[in-house]
C-alpha atoms as a PDB file:
ATOM      1  CA  UNK A   1       0.853 -12.148 -20.565  1.00  0.00           C
ATOM      2  CA  UNK A   2       1.874  -9.829 -17.766  1.00  0.00           C
ATOM      3  CA  UNK A   3      -0.528  -7.968 -15.502  1.00  0.00           C
ATOM      4  CA  UNK A   4       2.108  -5.389 -14.570  1.00  0.00           C
ATOM      5  CA  UNK A   5       0.694  -2.452 -12.611  1.00  0.00           C
ATOM      6  CA  UNK A   6       2.392   0.951 -12.727  1.00  0.00           C
ATOM      7  CA  UNK A   7       2.265   2.017  -9.054  1.00  0.00           C
ATOM      8  CA  UNK A   8       2.311   5.703 -10.043  1.00  0.00           C
ATOM      9  CA  UNK A   9      -1.088   5.225 -11.738  1.00  0.00           C
ATOM     10  CA  UNK A  10      -2.918   3.566  -8.824  1.00  0.00           C
ATOM     11  CA  UNK A  11      -5.923   5.736  -7.866  1.00  0.00           C
ATOM     12  CA  UNK A  12      -7.979   3.263  -5.852  1.00  0.00           C
ATOM     13  CA  UNK A  13      -7.766  -0.043  -3.977  1.00  0.00           C
ATOM     14  CA  UNK A  14     -10.206  -2.447  -2.409  1.00  0.00           C
ATOM     15  CA  UNK A  15      -9.166  -3.698   1.032  1.00  0.00           C
ATOM     16  CA  UNK A  16     -11.467  -5.757   3.224  1.00  0.00           C
ATOM     17  CA  UNK A  17     -14.289  -5.230   0.730  1.00  0.00           C
ATOM     18  CA  UNK A  18     -14.058  -1.429   1.036  1.00  0.00           C
ATOM     19  CA  UNK A  19     -12.983   0.748  -1.878  1.00  0.00           C
ATOM     20  CA  UNK A  20     -10.567   3.552  -1.009  1.00  0.00           C
ATOM     21  CA  UNK A  21      -9.651   6.417  -3.341  1.00  0.00           C
ATOM     22  CA  UNK A  22      -5.944   7.250  -3.381  1.00  0.00           C
ATOM     23  CA  UNK A  23      -4.162  10.507  -4.087  1.00  0.00           C
ATOM     24  CA  UNK A  24      -2.667   9.813  -7.509  1.00  0.00           C
ATOM     25  CA  UNK A  25       1.082   9.247  -7.362  1.00  0.00           C
ATOM     26  CA  UNK A  26       1.148   8.435  -3.631  1.00  0.00           C
ATOM     27  CA  UNK A  27       0.846   4.623  -3.848  1.00  0.00           C
ATOM     28  CA  UNK A  28       4.101   2.717  -3.402  1.00  0.00           C
ATOM     29  CA  UNK A  29       5.459  -0.677  -2.359  1.00  0.00           C
ATOM     30  CA  UNK A  30       8.213  -1.279   0.177  1.00  0.00           C
ATOM     31  CA  UNK A  31       9.234  -3.424   3.147  1.00  0.00           C
ATOM     32  CA  UNK A  32       6.419  -3.727   5.711  1.00  0.00           C
ATOM     33  CA  UNK A  33       7.201  -4.352   9.381  1.00  0.00           C
ATOM     34  CA  UNK A  34       6.200  -3.286  12.870  1.00  0.00           C
ATOM     35  CA  UNK A  35       8.959  -1.776  15.026  1.00  0.00           C
ATOM     36  CA  UNK A  36       8.999  -1.704  18.829  1.00  0.00           C
ATOM     37  CA  UNK A  37      12.448  -0.190  19.472  1.00  0.00           C
ATOM     38  CA  UNK A  38      15.417   1.571  17.924  1.00  0.00           C
ATOM     39  CA  UNK A  39      17.744  -1.367  17.271  1.00  0.00           C
ATOM     40  CA  UNK A  40      17.836  -2.920  13.782  1.00  0.00           C
ATOM     41  CA  UNK A  41      16.433  -6.224  15.099  1.00  0.00           C
ATOM     42  CA  UNK A  42      13.552  -4.623  17.066  1.00  0.00           C
ATOM     43  CA  UNK A  43      10.765  -5.566  14.671  1.00  0.00           C
ATOM     44  CA  UNK A  44       7.924  -8.044  14.414  1.00  0.00           C
ATOM     45  CA  UNK A  45       7.114  -9.658  11.098  1.00  0.00           C
ATOM     46  CA  UNK A  46       7.999  -8.389   7.697  1.00  0.00           C
ATOM     47  CA  UNK A  47       7.370  -8.712   4.016  1.00  0.00           C
ATOM     48  CA  UNK A  48       6.190  -6.688   1.055  1.00  0.00           C
ATOM     49  CA  UNK A  49       3.741  -3.927   1.892  1.00  0.00           C
ATOM     50  CA  UNK A  50       2.016  -0.863   0.516  1.00  0.00           C
ATOM     51  CA  UNK A  51       1.571   2.706   1.610  1.00  0.00           C
ATOM     52  CA  UNK A  52      -0.558   5.502   0.177  1.00  0.00           C
ATOM     53  CA  UNK A  53      -2.223   8.793   1.000  1.00  0.00           C
ATOM     54  CA  UNK A  54      -5.950   9.293   0.522  1.00  0.00           C
ATOM     55  CA  UNK A  55      -7.440  12.340  -1.158  1.00  0.00           C
ATOM     56  CA  UNK A  56      -8.558  13.471   2.337  1.00  0.00           C
ATOM     57  CA  UNK A  57      -4.967  13.343   3.625  1.00  0.00           C
ATOM     58  CA  UNK A  58      -4.944  10.017   5.511  1.00  0.00           C
ATOM     59  CA  UNK A  59      -1.759   7.935   5.342  1.00  0.00           C
ATOM     60  CA  UNK A  60      -2.170   4.146   5.245  1.00  0.00           C
ATOM     61  CA  UNK A  61       0.210   1.177   5.408  1.00  0.00           C
ATOM     62  CA  UNK A  62      -0.411  -2.563   5.181  1.00  0.00           C
ATOM     63  CA  UNK A  63       0.662  -5.936   3.791  1.00  0.00           C
ATOM     64  CA  UNK A  64       0.341  -6.289   0.014  1.00  0.00           C
ATOM     65  CA  UNK A  65      -1.767  -9.449   0.498  1.00  0.00           C
ATOM     66  CA  UNK A  66      -4.589  -7.303   1.940  1.00  0.00           C
ATOM     67  CA  UNK A  67      -5.281  -5.610  -1.415  1.00  0.00           C
ATOM     68  CA  UNK A  68      -8.099  -7.343  -3.280  1.00  0.00           C
ATOM     69  CA  UNK A  69      -8.385  -5.068  -6.301  1.00  0.00           C
ATOM     70  CA  UNK A  70      -6.509  -2.099  -7.793  1.00  0.00           C
ATOM     71  CA  UNK A  71      -7.899   0.744  -9.900  1.00  0.00           C
ATOM     72  CA  UNK A  72      -5.477   2.615 -12.185  1.00  0.00           C
ATOM     73  CA  UNK A  73      -5.791   5.861 -14.120  1.00  0.00           C
ATOM     74  CA  UNK A  74      -5.550   6.164 -17.873  1.00  0.00           C
END
């Protein structure tokens, strides 16, 4: 059995025990890294991460491992 999650349907996440409502359709997964310069090798860390916009307009990024629970629409 697969627990596949359609990222376009994510409307809420729990991170650090706090539930956050997400603007539907704004949640996505991508490479996650911190950059400190303009050269391709000017980064610290890396891995799979998330980004989303809240209903209030905030934009958030973080490592996928930080998400404890996901709420989906429909």
